[in-house]
Amino acid sequence: MPKIKIEFYHDAVCGWCYILSPRLRKLLKNKNIEIQQRCFVLQRNNEEMVQRFGSLASAKSEILNHWESCKAYADDPASINIEGMRATSFSYPTGYLAALGAKTAELMGDSNTHWDYFDEIQRQHLKLNMNIGDTEVIIDTAKIIGLDPVAFANTLFSDKIKQAVEQDIRQANILNIRTIPTIVINGEKVISQALTNQQLDALFSQ
């Protein structure tokens, strides 16, 4: 039987992606499935944050309200540290630099390396409240998952990595993806929702 291919579109600042990722990992243990990681960037820089939310302060406040909803829905609520992020002095970061990091990890390994990087950068962000808009944090996260930090840093801002992120975004646009997390099944069925474990089991037991 051919494997079912799932493409997982995500952004490192998306709390709903943080919730869905471990559920997808559980799915792999029991199903004839392969999962390809795809980048999706909600905002690329501070200017886009201000355009979307009105100000950087408003962005942080509104996004942390979203975190409240995510925490209530999470399988592990303790993995989301809302008050810790609220207490930080930095403006809420965009996920663009993390997307470059994830694609660099993929280039240095494969899609699973991308996934390991994505999960760790989200843990750094949502649980440890690190500023993932800081290049040092992006590089340190690569080291945590076992990548060579020097090679990683030398590749991070290359045209090849930037183009890889843009290719994922273009593909998302072709599929008319507007929100994340989104999974695409066999290149056709698009589901933009943080599905529960039960919903995933039901979906892939058909």
N, C-alpha and C. Protein backbone atom coordinates (compact mmCIF):
# COMPACT_ATOMS: atom_id res chain seq x y z
N MET A 1 0.85 -1.20 0.00
CA MET A 1 0.00 0.00 0.00
C MET A 1 0.89 1.25 0.00
N PRO A 2 0.65 2.19 -0.93
CA PRO A 2 1.46 3.42 -0.95
C PRO A 2 1.23 4.25 0.30
N LYS A 3 2.27 4.93 0.72
CA LYS A 3 2.15 5.76 1.92
C LYS A 3 1.26 6.97 1.65
N ILE A 4 0.55 7.38 2.69
CA ILE A 4 -0.19 8.63 2.65
C ILE A 4 0.79 9.75 2.93
N LYS A 5 0.80 10.76 2.08
CA LYS A 5 1.71 11.89 2.26
C LYS A 5 0.97 13.07 2.86
N ILE A 6 1.48 13.55 3.98
CA ILE A 6 0.92 14.74 4.64
C ILE A 6 1.97 15.85 4.56
N GLU A 7 1.54 17.03 4.15
CA GLU A 7 2.39 18.22 4.23
C GLU A 7 1.87 19.08 5.38
N PHE A 8 2.75 19.42 6.29
CA PHE A 8 2.40 20.17 7.50
C PHE A 8 2.92 21.59 7.36
N TYR A 9 2.01 22.54 7.14
CA TYR A 9 2.35 23.96 7.01
C TYR A 9 2.27 24.61 8.38
N HIS A 10 3.34 25.31 8.76
CA HIS A 10 3.40 25.85 10.12
C HIS A 10 4.27 27.10 10.20
N ASP A 11 4.10 27.82 11.30
CA ASP A 11 4.91 28.98 11.64
C ASP A 11 5.33 28.82 13.10
N ALA A 12 6.57 29.12 13.42
CA ALA A 12 7.08 28.88 14.77
C ALA A 12 6.37 29.70 15.84
N VAL A 13 5.72 30.80 15.47
CA VAL A 13 5.02 31.61 16.47
C VAL A 13 3.56 31.17 16.64
N CYS A 14 3.15 30.13 15.97
CA CYS A 14 1.76 29.68 15.99
C CYS A 14 1.55 28.65 17.11
N GLY A 15 0.81 29.04 18.15
CA GLY A 15 0.53 28.13 19.24
C GLY A 15 -0.26 26.91 18.84
N TRP A 16 -1.15 27.06 17.86
CA TRP A 16 -1.94 25.92 17.40
C TRP A 16 -1.06 24.91 16.68
N CYS A 17 -0.01 25.37 16.00
CA CYS A 17 0.95 24.46 15.37
C CYS A 17 1.71 23.68 16.45
N TYR A 18 2.02 24.35 17.53
CA TYR A 18 2.72 23.73 18.66
C TYR A 18 1.90 22.59 19.25
N ILE A 19 0.61 22.76 19.26
CA ILE A 19 -0.31 21.73 19.77
C ILE A 19 -0.42 20.57 18.78
N LEU A 20 -0.51 20.88 17.50
CA LEU A 20 -0.73 19.84 16.49
C LEU A 20 0.50 18.97 16.25
N SER A 21 1.69 19.54 16.31
CA SER A 21 2.90 18.81 15.94
C SER A 21 3.07 17.49 16.71
N PRO A 22 2.98 17.48 18.04
CA PRO A 22 3.13 16.18 18.73
C PRO A 22 2.02 15.20 18.42
N ARG A 23 0.85 15.70 18.07
CA ARG A 23 -0.24 14.80 17.67
C ARG A 23 0.07 14.13 16.34
N LEU A 24 0.69 14.87 15.44
CA LEU A 24 1.10 14.27 14.17
C LEU A 24 2.21 13.25 14.39
N ARG A 25 3.09 13.51 15.32
CA ARG A 25 4.15 12.54 15.62
C ARG A 25 3.55 11.23 16.15
N LYS A 26 2.53 11.33 16.98
CA LYS A 26 1.86 10.13 17.47
C LYS A 26 1.24 9.35 16.32
N LEU A 27 0.70 10.07 15.37
CA LEU A 27 0.05 9.44 14.23
C LEU A 27 1.03 8.57 13.44
N LEU A 28 2.27 9.02 13.35
CA LEU A 28 3.28 8.29 12.58
C LEU A 28 3.57 6.90 13.16
N LYS A 29 3.34 6.73 14.44
CA LYS A 29 3.70 5.47 15.10
C LYS A 29 2.82 4.31 14.64
N ASN A 30 1.62 4.63 14.19
CA ASN A 30 0.65 3.57 13.91
C ASN A 30 0.11 3.56 12.48
N LYS A 31 0.50 4.50 11.67
CA LYS A 31 -0.11 4.64 10.35
C LYS A 31 0.92 4.56 9.24
N ASN A 32 0.47 4.23 8.05
CA ASN A 32 1.31 4.17 6.86
C ASN A 32 1.40 5.58 6.24
N ILE A 33 2.13 6.45 6.95
CA ILE A 33 2.10 7.88 6.65
C ILE A 33 3.52 8.43 6.62
N GLU A 34 3.75 9.40 5.74
CA GLU A 34 4.97 10.21 5.80
C GLU A 34 4.56 11.67 5.86
N ILE A 35 5.34 12.46 6.58
CA ILE A 35 4.98 13.87 6.79
C ILE A 35 6.12 14.76 6.34
N GLN A 36 5.80 15.69 5.46
CA GLN A 36 6.75 16.66 4.93
C GLN A 36 6.48 18.01 5.60
N GLN A 37 7.53 18.65 6.07
CA GLN A 37 7.39 19.94 6.74
C GLN A 37 7.41 21.08 5.74
N ARG A 38 6.53 22.05 5.96
CA ARG A 38 6.44 23.22 5.09
C ARG A 38 6.36 24.50 5.92
N CYS A 39 7.10 25.51 5.50
CA CYS A 39 7.08 26.80 6.20
C CYS A 39 5.92 27.66 5.73
N PHE A 40 5.35 28.39 6.67
CA PHE A 40 4.33 29.39 6.37
C PHE A 40 4.59 30.54 7.34
N VAL A 41 4.78 31.74 6.83
CA VAL A 41 5.14 32.88 7.67
C VAL A 41 3.98 33.85 7.75
N LEU A 42 3.45 34.02 8.95
CA LEU A 42 2.30 34.91 9.13
C LEU A 42 2.69 36.37 8.93
N GLN A 43 3.77 36.81 9.57
CA GLN A 43 4.34 38.14 9.36
C GLN A 43 5.85 38.00 9.27
N ARG A 44 6.46 38.79 8.39
CA ARG A 44 7.89 38.66 8.14
C ARG A 44 8.74 39.59 8.98
N ASN A 45 8.19 40.72 9.42
CA ASN A 45 8.99 41.74 10.10
C ASN A 45 8.09 42.62 10.97
N ASN A 46 8.69 43.55 11.69
CA ASN A 46 7.93 44.41 12.59
C ASN A 46 6.90 45.26 11.85
N GLU A 47 7.26 45.68 10.64
CA GLU A 47 6.33 46.51 9.87
C GLU A 47 5.04 45.73 9.58
N GLU A 48 5.17 44.48 9.22
CA GLU A 48 3.97 43.67 8.97
C GLU A 48 3.22 43.39 10.25
N MET A 49 3.91 43.28 11.37
CA MET A 49 3.24 43.10 12.66
C MET A 49 2.39 44.33 12.97
N VAL A 50 2.95 45.51 12.77
CA VAL A 50 2.22 46.75 13.04
C VAL A 50 1.04 46.89 12.09
N GLN A 51 1.24 46.53 10.84
CA GLN A 51 0.16 46.59 9.85
C GLN A 51 -0.99 45.68 10.25
N ARG A 52 -0.67 44.52 10.80
CA ARG A 52 -1.69 43.54 11.17
C ARG A 52 -2.37 43.88 12.49
N PHE A 53 -1.58 44.34 13.49
CA PHE A 53 -2.12 44.50 14.84
C PHE A 53 -2.25 45.94 15.31
N GLY A 54 -1.68 46.89 14.58
CA GLY A 54 -1.78 48.29 14.97
C GLY A 54 -0.54 48.81 15.65
N SER A 55 0.10 47.98 16.46
CA SER A 55 1.35 48.33 17.14
C SER A 55 2.00 47.05 17.63
N LEU A 56 3.29 47.13 17.98
CA LEU A 56 3.97 45.95 18.49
C LEU A 56 3.42 45.55 19.86
N ALA A 57 3.05 46.54 20.66
CA ALA A 57 2.48 46.23 21.98
C ALA A 57 1.14 45.52 21.83
N SER A 58 0.33 46.00 20.89
CA SER A 58 -0.96 45.35 20.64
C SER A 58 -0.78 43.95 20.09
N ALA A 59 0.25 43.76 19.27
CA ALA A 59 0.52 42.44 18.71
C ALA A 59 0.80 41.45 19.82
N LYS A 60 1.66 41.83 20.75
CA LYS A 60 2.02 40.92 21.84
C LYS A 60 0.80 40.60 22.69
N SER A 61 0.01 41.61 23.01
CA SER A 61 -1.18 41.41 23.84
C SER A 61 -2.19 40.49 23.17
N GLU A 62 -2.47 40.74 21.89
CA GLU A 62 -3.46 39.93 21.19
C GLU A 62 -2.99 38.50 20.98
N ILE A 63 -1.72 38.34 20.64
CA ILE A 63 -1.20 37.00 20.40
C ILE A 63 -1.20 36.18 21.69
N LEU A 64 -0.87 36.81 22.80
CA LEU A 64 -0.88 36.07 24.07
C LEU A 64 -2.31 35.71 24.49
N ASN A 65 -3.27 36.47 24.05
CA ASN A 65 -4.66 36.05 24.25
C ASN A 65 -4.95 34.77 23.47
N HIS A 66 -4.38 34.67 22.27
CA HIS A 66 -4.51 33.43 21.49
C HIS A 66 -3.85 32.27 22.23
N TRP A 67 -2.73 32.55 22.89
CA TRP A 67 -2.05 31.51 23.66
C TRP A 67 -2.97 30.94 24.74
N GLU A 68 -3.80 31.79 25.31
CA GLU A 68 -4.74 31.32 26.35
C GLU A 68 -5.64 30.23 25.77
N SER A 69 -6.15 30.46 24.58
CA SER A 69 -7.01 29.47 23.92
C SER A 69 -6.23 28.20 23.62
N CYS A 70 -5.01 28.36 23.15
CA CYS A 70 -4.17 27.21 22.83
C CYS A 70 -3.91 26.37 24.09
N LYS A 71 -3.59 27.05 25.17
CA LYS A 71 -3.27 26.35 26.42
C LYS A 71 -4.46 25.53 26.90
N ALA A 72 -5.66 26.08 26.76
CA ALA A 72 -6.86 25.37 27.20
C ALA A 72 -7.12 24.13 26.35
N TYR A 73 -6.61 24.11 25.13
CA TYR A 73 -6.86 23.03 24.18
C TYR A 73 -5.71 22.03 24.12
N ALA A 74 -4.57 22.38 24.72
CA ALA A 74 -3.34 21.59 24.59
C ALA A 74 -3.42 20.29 25.37
N ASP A 75 -2.75 19.26 24.85
CA ASP A 75 -2.62 18.00 25.58
C ASP A 75 -1.72 18.18 26.80
N ASP A 76 -0.76 19.11 26.70
CA ASP A 76 0.16 19.41 27.80
C ASP A 76 0.14 20.91 28.07
N PRO A 77 -0.83 21.39 28.85
CA PRO A 77 -0.94 22.83 29.09
C PRO A 77 0.33 23.46 29.68
N ALA A 78 1.10 22.70 30.43
CA ALA A 78 2.31 23.24 31.05
C ALA A 78 3.38 23.61 30.02
N SER A 79 3.20 23.16 28.79
CA SER A 79 4.19 23.47 27.75
C SER A 79 4.05 24.89 27.20
N ILE A 80 3.01 25.60 27.63
CA ILE A 80 2.77 26.97 27.16
C ILE A 80 2.85 27.91 28.36
N ASN A 81 3.86 28.77 28.37
CA ASN A 81 4.13 29.67 29.49
C ASN A 81 3.72 31.10 29.12
N ILE A 82 2.47 31.40 29.33
CA ILE A 82 1.94 32.70 28.91
C ILE A 82 2.51 33.83 29.75
N GLU A 83 2.51 33.68 31.05
CA GLU A 83 2.98 34.76 31.93
C GLU A 83 4.47 35.02 31.72
N GLY A 84 5.22 33.96 31.43
CA GLY A 84 6.64 34.15 31.16
C GLY A 84 6.87 35.01 29.93
N MET A 85 6.11 34.77 28.87
CA MET A 85 6.25 35.59 27.67
C MET A 85 5.75 37.01 27.91
N ARG A 86 4.69 37.13 28.66
CA ARG A 86 4.15 38.47 28.94
C ARG A 86 5.17 39.32 29.70
N ALA A 87 5.99 38.68 30.51
CA ALA A 87 6.97 39.41 31.33
C ALA A 87 8.24 39.78 30.57
N THR A 88 8.44 39.25 29.37
CA THR A 88 9.66 39.56 28.62
C THR A 88 9.65 41.00 28.14
N SER A 89 10.84 41.54 27.94
CA SER A 89 10.95 42.95 27.53
C SER A 89 10.96 43.12 26.01
N PHE A 90 11.18 42.04 25.26
CA PHE A 90 11.27 42.19 23.81
C PHE A 90 9.87 42.18 23.17
N SER A 91 9.77 42.82 22.01
CA SER A 91 8.52 42.80 21.25
C SER A 91 8.27 41.39 20.75
N TYR A 92 7.01 41.07 20.51
CA TYR A 92 6.70 39.72 20.05
C TYR A 92 7.34 39.50 18.68
N PRO A 93 8.11 38.41 18.52
CA PRO A 93 8.85 38.20 17.27
C PRO A 93 7.97 37.64 16.15
N THR A 94 8.43 37.80 14.94
CA THR A 94 7.81 37.11 13.82
C THR A 94 8.46 35.73 13.69
N GLY A 95 7.89 34.90 12.83
CA GLY A 95 8.43 33.56 12.64
C GLY A 95 9.35 33.44 11.45
N TYR A 96 9.71 34.56 10.80
CA TYR A 96 10.48 34.46 9.56
C TYR A 96 11.88 33.90 9.80
N LEU A 97 12.57 34.39 10.83
CA LEU A 97 13.92 33.92 11.09
C LEU A 97 13.90 32.43 11.46
N ALA A 98 12.88 32.02 12.21
CA ALA A 98 12.74 30.60 12.56
C ALA A 98 12.49 29.74 11.32
N ALA A 99 11.76 30.29 10.35
CA ALA A 99 11.53 29.57 9.10
C ALA A 99 12.84 29.37 8.35
N LEU A 100 13.69 30.39 8.33
CA LEU A 100 15.01 30.23 7.72
C LEU A 100 15.79 29.15 8.46
N GLY A 101 15.68 29.15 9.79
CA GLY A 101 16.37 28.14 10.58
C GLY A 101 15.89 26.73 10.27
N ALA A 102 14.57 26.58 10.14
CA ALA A 102 14.00 25.26 9.86
C ALA A 102 14.45 24.75 8.49
N LYS A 103 14.49 25.64 7.51
CA LYS A 103 14.93 25.23 6.18
C LYS A 103 16.44 24.94 6.15
N THR A 104 17.20 25.65 6.95
CA THR A 104 18.62 25.35 7.06
C THR A 104 18.82 23.96 7.66
N ALA A 105 18.05 23.66 8.70
CA ALA A 105 18.11 22.33 9.31
C ALA A 105 17.75 21.25 8.30
N GLU A 106 16.74 21.53 7.48
CA GLU A 106 16.33 20.57 6.45
C GLU A 106 17.45 20.34 5.44
N LEU A 107 18.10 21.41 5.03
CA LEU A 107 19.20 21.29 4.08
C LEU A 107 20.36 20.47 4.66
N MET A 108 20.58 20.62 5.96
CA MET A 108 21.68 19.91 6.63
C MET A 108 21.29 18.47 6.97
N GLY A 109 20.01 18.15 6.88
CA GLY A 109 19.55 16.80 7.16
C GLY A 109 18.46 16.40 6.20
N ASP A 110 17.23 16.39 6.70
CA ASP A 110 16.08 16.06 5.86
C ASP A 110 14.83 16.67 6.49
N SER A 111 13.66 16.27 6.02
CA SER A 111 12.42 16.85 6.54
C SER A 111 12.25 16.56 8.04
N ASN A 112 12.74 15.41 8.49
CA ASN A 112 12.65 15.11 9.92
C ASN A 112 13.54 16.02 10.75
N THR A 113 14.68 16.42 10.18
CA THR A 113 15.55 17.38 10.86
C THR A 113 14.86 18.73 10.96
N HIS A 114 14.18 19.12 9.89
CA HIS A 114 13.36 20.33 9.89
C HIS A 114 12.35 20.26 11.03
N TRP A 115 11.68 19.11 11.14
CA TRP A 115 10.65 18.94 12.16
C TRP A 115 11.24 19.02 13.56
N ASP A 116 12.38 18.37 13.76
CA ASP A 116 13.04 18.44 15.07
C ASP A 116 13.40 19.88 15.42
N TYR A 117 13.88 20.60 14.42
CA TYR A 117 14.22 22.01 14.65
C TYR A 117 12.96 22.81 14.97
N PHE A 118 11.92 22.60 14.20
CA PHE A 118 10.68 23.34 14.40
C PHE A 118 10.12 23.09 15.80
N ASP A 119 10.09 21.84 16.22
CA ASP A 119 9.58 21.53 17.55
C ASP A 119 10.42 22.19 18.64
N GLU A 120 11.73 22.17 18.46
CA GLU A 120 12.60 22.76 19.49
C GLU A 120 12.50 24.29 19.51
N ILE A 121 12.41 24.91 18.33
CA ILE A 121 12.31 26.38 18.32
C ILE A 121 10.96 26.80 18.91
N GLN A 122 9.92 26.00 18.72
CA GLN A 122 8.64 26.32 19.34
C GLN A 122 8.72 26.14 20.86
N ARG A 123 9.43 25.12 21.32
CA ARG A 123 9.61 24.94 22.76
C ARG A 123 10.38 26.11 23.35
N GLN A 124 11.42 26.54 22.65
CA GLN A 124 12.18 27.70 23.10
C GLN A 124 11.27 28.92 23.23
N HIS A 125 10.36 29.05 22.29
CA HIS A 125 9.50 30.23 22.22
C HIS A 125 8.33 30.16 23.22
N LEU A 126 7.54 29.09 23.15
CA LEU A 126 6.31 29.04 23.92
C LEU A 126 6.50 28.58 25.36
N LYS A 127 7.50 27.77 25.62
CA LYS A 127 7.72 27.29 26.99
C LYS A 127 8.83 28.05 27.71
N LEU A 128 9.96 28.25 27.02
CA LEU A 128 11.10 28.92 27.65
C LEU A 128 11.11 30.42 27.42
N ASN A 129 10.23 30.89 26.54
CA ASN A 129 10.04 32.32 26.29
C ASN A 129 11.28 33.03 25.79
N MET A 130 12.02 32.34 24.93
CA MET A 130 13.16 32.95 24.27
C MET A 130 12.70 33.79 23.08
N ASN A 131 13.51 34.75 22.73
CA ASN A 131 13.20 35.62 21.60
C ASN A 131 13.68 34.97 20.31
N ILE A 132 12.77 34.34 19.59
CA ILE A 132 13.17 33.64 18.37
C ILE A 132 13.31 34.59 17.18
N GLY A 133 13.25 35.88 17.45
CA GLY A 133 13.64 36.88 16.46
C GLY A 133 15.11 37.25 16.60
N ASP A 134 15.82 36.57 17.49
CA ASP A 134 17.23 36.81 17.78
C ASP A 134 18.05 35.72 17.09
N THR A 135 18.98 36.12 16.24
CA THR A 135 19.78 35.16 15.48
C THR A 135 20.53 34.19 16.40
N GLU A 136 20.99 34.67 17.53
CA GLU A 136 21.73 33.80 18.46
C GLU A 136 20.85 32.65 18.94
N VAL A 137 19.59 32.94 19.23
CA VAL A 137 18.66 31.89 19.67
C VAL A 137 18.42 30.88 18.55
N ILE A 138 18.30 31.38 17.34
CA ILE A 138 18.09 30.52 16.18
C ILE A 138 19.26 29.55 16.01
N ILE A 139 20.48 30.05 16.16
CA ILE A 139 21.67 29.20 16.01
C ILE A 139 21.82 28.25 17.19
N ASP A 140 21.57 28.74 18.40
CA ASP A 140 21.68 27.88 19.57
C ASP A 140 20.70 26.70 19.49
N THR A 141 19.54 26.94 18.90
CA THR A 141 18.54 25.87 18.76
C THR A 141 19.05 24.78 17.83
N ALA A 142 19.76 25.17 16.79
CA ALA A 142 20.37 24.18 15.90
C ALA A 142 21.35 23.30 16.66
N LYS A 143 22.13 23.92 17.53
CA LYS A 143 23.11 23.17 18.32
C LYS A 143 22.41 22.19 19.25
N ILE A 144 21.27 22.59 19.83
CA ILE A 144 20.52 21.74 20.75
C ILE A 144 20.09 20.44 20.07
N ILE A 145 19.72 20.51 18.79
CA ILE A 145 19.26 19.29 18.11
C ILE A 145 20.40 18.55 17.41
N GLY A 146 21.63 18.99 17.67
CA GLY A 146 22.78 18.23 17.20
C GLY A 146 23.39 18.68 15.89
N LEU A 147 23.00 19.85 15.40
CA LEU A 147 23.59 20.36 14.16
C LEU A 147 24.84 21.17 14.45
N ASP A 148 25.73 21.22 13.49
CA ASP A 148 26.95 22.02 13.62
C ASP A 148 26.57 23.50 13.57
N PRO A 149 26.76 24.24 14.67
CA PRO A 149 26.29 25.63 14.69
C PRO A 149 27.03 26.54 13.72
N VAL A 150 28.29 26.24 13.44
CA VAL A 150 29.06 27.07 12.51
C VAL A 150 28.55 26.89 11.09
N ALA A 151 28.38 25.63 10.67
CA ALA A 151 27.84 25.36 9.34
C ALA A 151 26.43 25.91 9.21
N PHE A 152 25.66 25.78 10.27
CA PHE A 152 24.29 26.29 10.28
C PHE A 152 24.28 27.81 10.08
N ALA A 153 25.10 28.51 10.87
CA ALA A 153 25.15 29.97 10.80
C ALA A 153 25.62 30.44 9.42
N ASN A 154 26.55 29.70 8.81
CA ASN A 154 27.07 30.09 7.50
C ASN A 154 26.05 29.91 6.39
N THR A 155 25.03 29.10 6.64
CA THR A 155 24.02 28.79 5.62
C THR A 155 22.72 29.56 5.84
N LEU A 156 22.47 29.98 7.06
CA LEU A 156 21.18 30.50 7.49
C LEU A 156 20.61 31.60 6.59
N PHE A 157 21.44 32.55 6.20
CA PHE A 157 20.94 33.70 5.42
C PHE A 157 21.27 33.60 3.93
N SER A 158 21.58 32.41 3.47
CA SER A 158 21.92 32.23 2.06
C SER A 158 20.69 32.37 1.18
N ASP A 159 20.92 32.70 -0.07
CA ASP A 159 19.82 32.82 -1.03
C ASP A 159 19.08 31.49 -1.16
N LYS A 160 19.81 30.39 -1.09
CA LYS A 160 19.19 29.07 -1.23
C LYS A 160 18.15 28.84 -0.15
N ILE A 161 18.45 29.23 1.08
CA ILE A 161 17.51 29.04 2.19
C ILE A 161 16.32 29.98 2.04
N LYS A 162 16.59 31.22 1.71
CA LYS A 162 15.49 32.18 1.52
C LYS A 162 14.54 31.71 0.41
N GLN A 163 15.11 31.19 -0.65
CA GLN A 163 14.29 30.70 -1.76
C GLN A 163 13.47 29.48 -1.36
N ALA A 164 14.03 28.64 -0.50
CA ALA A 164 13.30 27.45 -0.03
C ALA A 164 12.08 27.85 0.79
N VAL A 165 12.24 28.87 1.63
CA VAL A 165 11.09 29.39 2.40
C VAL A 165 10.05 29.96 1.45
N GLU A 166 10.50 30.75 0.48
CA GLU A 166 9.56 31.36 -0.46
C GLU A 166 8.83 30.31 -1.29
N GLN A 167 9.50 29.22 -1.62
CA GLN A 167 8.85 28.15 -2.39
C GLN A 167 7.70 27.54 -1.60
N ASP A 168 7.90 27.31 -0.31
CA ASP A 168 6.81 26.79 0.53
C ASP A 168 5.65 27.76 0.58
N ILE A 169 5.96 29.04 0.71
CA ILE A 169 4.90 30.06 0.77
C ILE A 169 4.14 30.14 -0.54
N ARG A 170 4.85 30.05 -1.66
CA ARG A 170 4.19 30.06 -2.97
C ARG A 170 3.26 28.86 -3.10
N GLN A 171 3.72 27.69 -2.64
CA GLN A 171 2.89 26.49 -2.73
C GLN A 171 1.65 26.64 -1.85
N ALA A 172 1.82 27.25 -0.69
CA ALA A 172 0.66 27.51 0.18
C ALA A 172 -0.35 28.41 -0.52
N ASN A 173 0.14 29.41 -1.22
CA ASN A 173 -0.75 30.31 -1.95
C ASN A 173 -1.50 29.58 -3.06
N ILE A 174 -0.82 28.69 -3.75
CA ILE A 174 -1.46 27.90 -4.81
C ILE A 174 -2.60 27.07 -4.23
N LEU A 175 -2.39 26.55 -3.03
CA LEU A 175 -3.39 25.72 -2.36
C LEU A 175 -4.43 26.56 -1.61
N ASN A 176 -4.28 27.90 -1.70
CA ASN A 176 -5.20 28.83 -1.05
C ASN A 176 -5.21 28.67 0.47
N ILE A 177 -4.04 28.35 1.03
CA ILE A 177 -3.90 28.26 2.47
C ILE A 177 -3.79 29.67 3.04
N ARG A 178 -4.64 29.97 4.01
CA ARG A 178 -4.67 31.30 4.62
C ARG A 178 -4.37 31.27 6.11
N THR A 179 -4.59 30.13 6.75
CA THR A 179 -4.35 30.02 8.18
C THR A 179 -3.57 28.74 8.47
N ILE A 180 -2.97 28.72 9.65
CA ILE A 180 -2.22 27.55 10.07
C ILE A 180 -2.62 27.19 11.50
N PRO A 181 -2.40 25.95 11.91
CA PRO A 181 -1.77 24.88 11.15
C PRO A 181 -2.66 24.37 10.03
N THR A 182 -2.03 23.95 8.96
CA THR A 182 -2.74 23.30 7.86
C THR A 182 -2.01 22.02 7.49
N ILE A 183 -2.78 20.98 7.26
CA ILE A 183 -2.21 19.77 6.68
C ILE A 183 -2.83 19.57 5.31
N VAL A 184 -2.01 19.09 4.38
CA VAL A 184 -2.46 18.78 3.03
C VAL A 184 -2.20 17.30 2.81
N ILE A 185 -3.25 16.57 2.49
CA ILE A 185 -3.16 15.12 2.36
C ILE A 185 -3.08 14.74 0.88
N ASN A 186 -1.98 14.09 0.52
CA ASN A 186 -1.75 13.64 -0.86
C ASN A 186 -1.90 14.77 -1.88
N GLY A 187 -1.50 15.96 -1.48
CA GLY A 187 -1.49 17.10 -2.38
C GLY A 187 -2.85 17.65 -2.74
N GLU A 188 -3.91 17.15 -2.12
CA GLU A 188 -5.25 17.53 -2.54
C GLU A 188 -6.14 18.03 -1.39
N LYS A 189 -6.29 17.22 -0.36
CA LYS A 189 -7.22 17.57 0.71
C LYS A 189 -6.54 18.51 1.70
N VAL A 190 -7.11 19.71 1.86
CA VAL A 190 -6.52 20.75 2.71
C VAL A 190 -7.37 20.90 3.96
N ILE A 191 -6.74 20.75 5.12
CA ILE A 191 -7.44 20.89 6.40
C ILE A 191 -6.69 21.89 7.25
N SER A 192 -7.32 23.04 7.50
CA SER A 192 -6.71 24.10 8.30
C SER A 192 -7.35 24.10 9.69
N GLN A 193 -6.76 23.29 10.56
CA GLN A 193 -7.34 23.12 11.90
C GLN A 193 -6.35 22.36 12.77
N ALA A 194 -6.33 22.65 14.07
CA ALA A 194 -5.53 21.88 15.01
C ALA A 194 -6.35 20.66 15.43
N LEU A 195 -6.30 19.63 14.62
CA LEU A 195 -7.11 18.44 14.86
C LEU A 195 -6.71 17.75 16.16
N THR A 196 -7.69 17.17 16.84
CA THR A 196 -7.41 16.40 18.05
C THR A 196 -6.83 15.04 17.67
N ASN A 197 -6.31 14.33 18.67
CA ASN A 197 -5.83 12.97 18.43
C ASN A 197 -6.95 12.09 17.89
N GLN A 198 -8.13 12.26 18.43
CA GLN A 198 -9.27 11.46 18.01
C GLN A 198 -9.66 11.78 16.56
N GLN A 199 -9.64 13.05 16.22
CA GLN A 199 -9.98 13.44 14.85
C GLN A 199 -8.95 12.91 13.85
N LEU A 200 -7.69 12.95 14.23
CA LEU A 200 -6.65 12.43 13.35
C LEU A 200 -6.79 10.92 13.18
N ASP A 201 -7.04 10.21 14.26
CA ASP A 201 -7.21 8.76 14.16
C ASP A 201 -8.40 8.42 13.25
N ALA A 202 -9.47 9.17 13.41
CA ALA A 202 -10.67 8.91 12.59
C ALA A 202 -10.39 9.23 11.12
N LEU A 203 -9.66 10.31 10.88
CA LEU A 203 -9.37 10.75 9.51
C LEU A 203 -8.54 9.71 8.77
N PHE A 204 -7.56 9.12 9.47
CA PHE A 204 -6.63 8.22 8.79
C PHE A 204 -6.93 6.75 9.04
N SER A 205 -8.08 6.47 9.61
CA SER A 205 -8.52 5.09 9.72
C SER A 205 -9.53 4.75 8.63
N GLN A 206 -9.85 5.74 7.82
CA GLN A 206 -10.83 5.55 6.75
C GLN A 206 -10.23 4.76 5.60
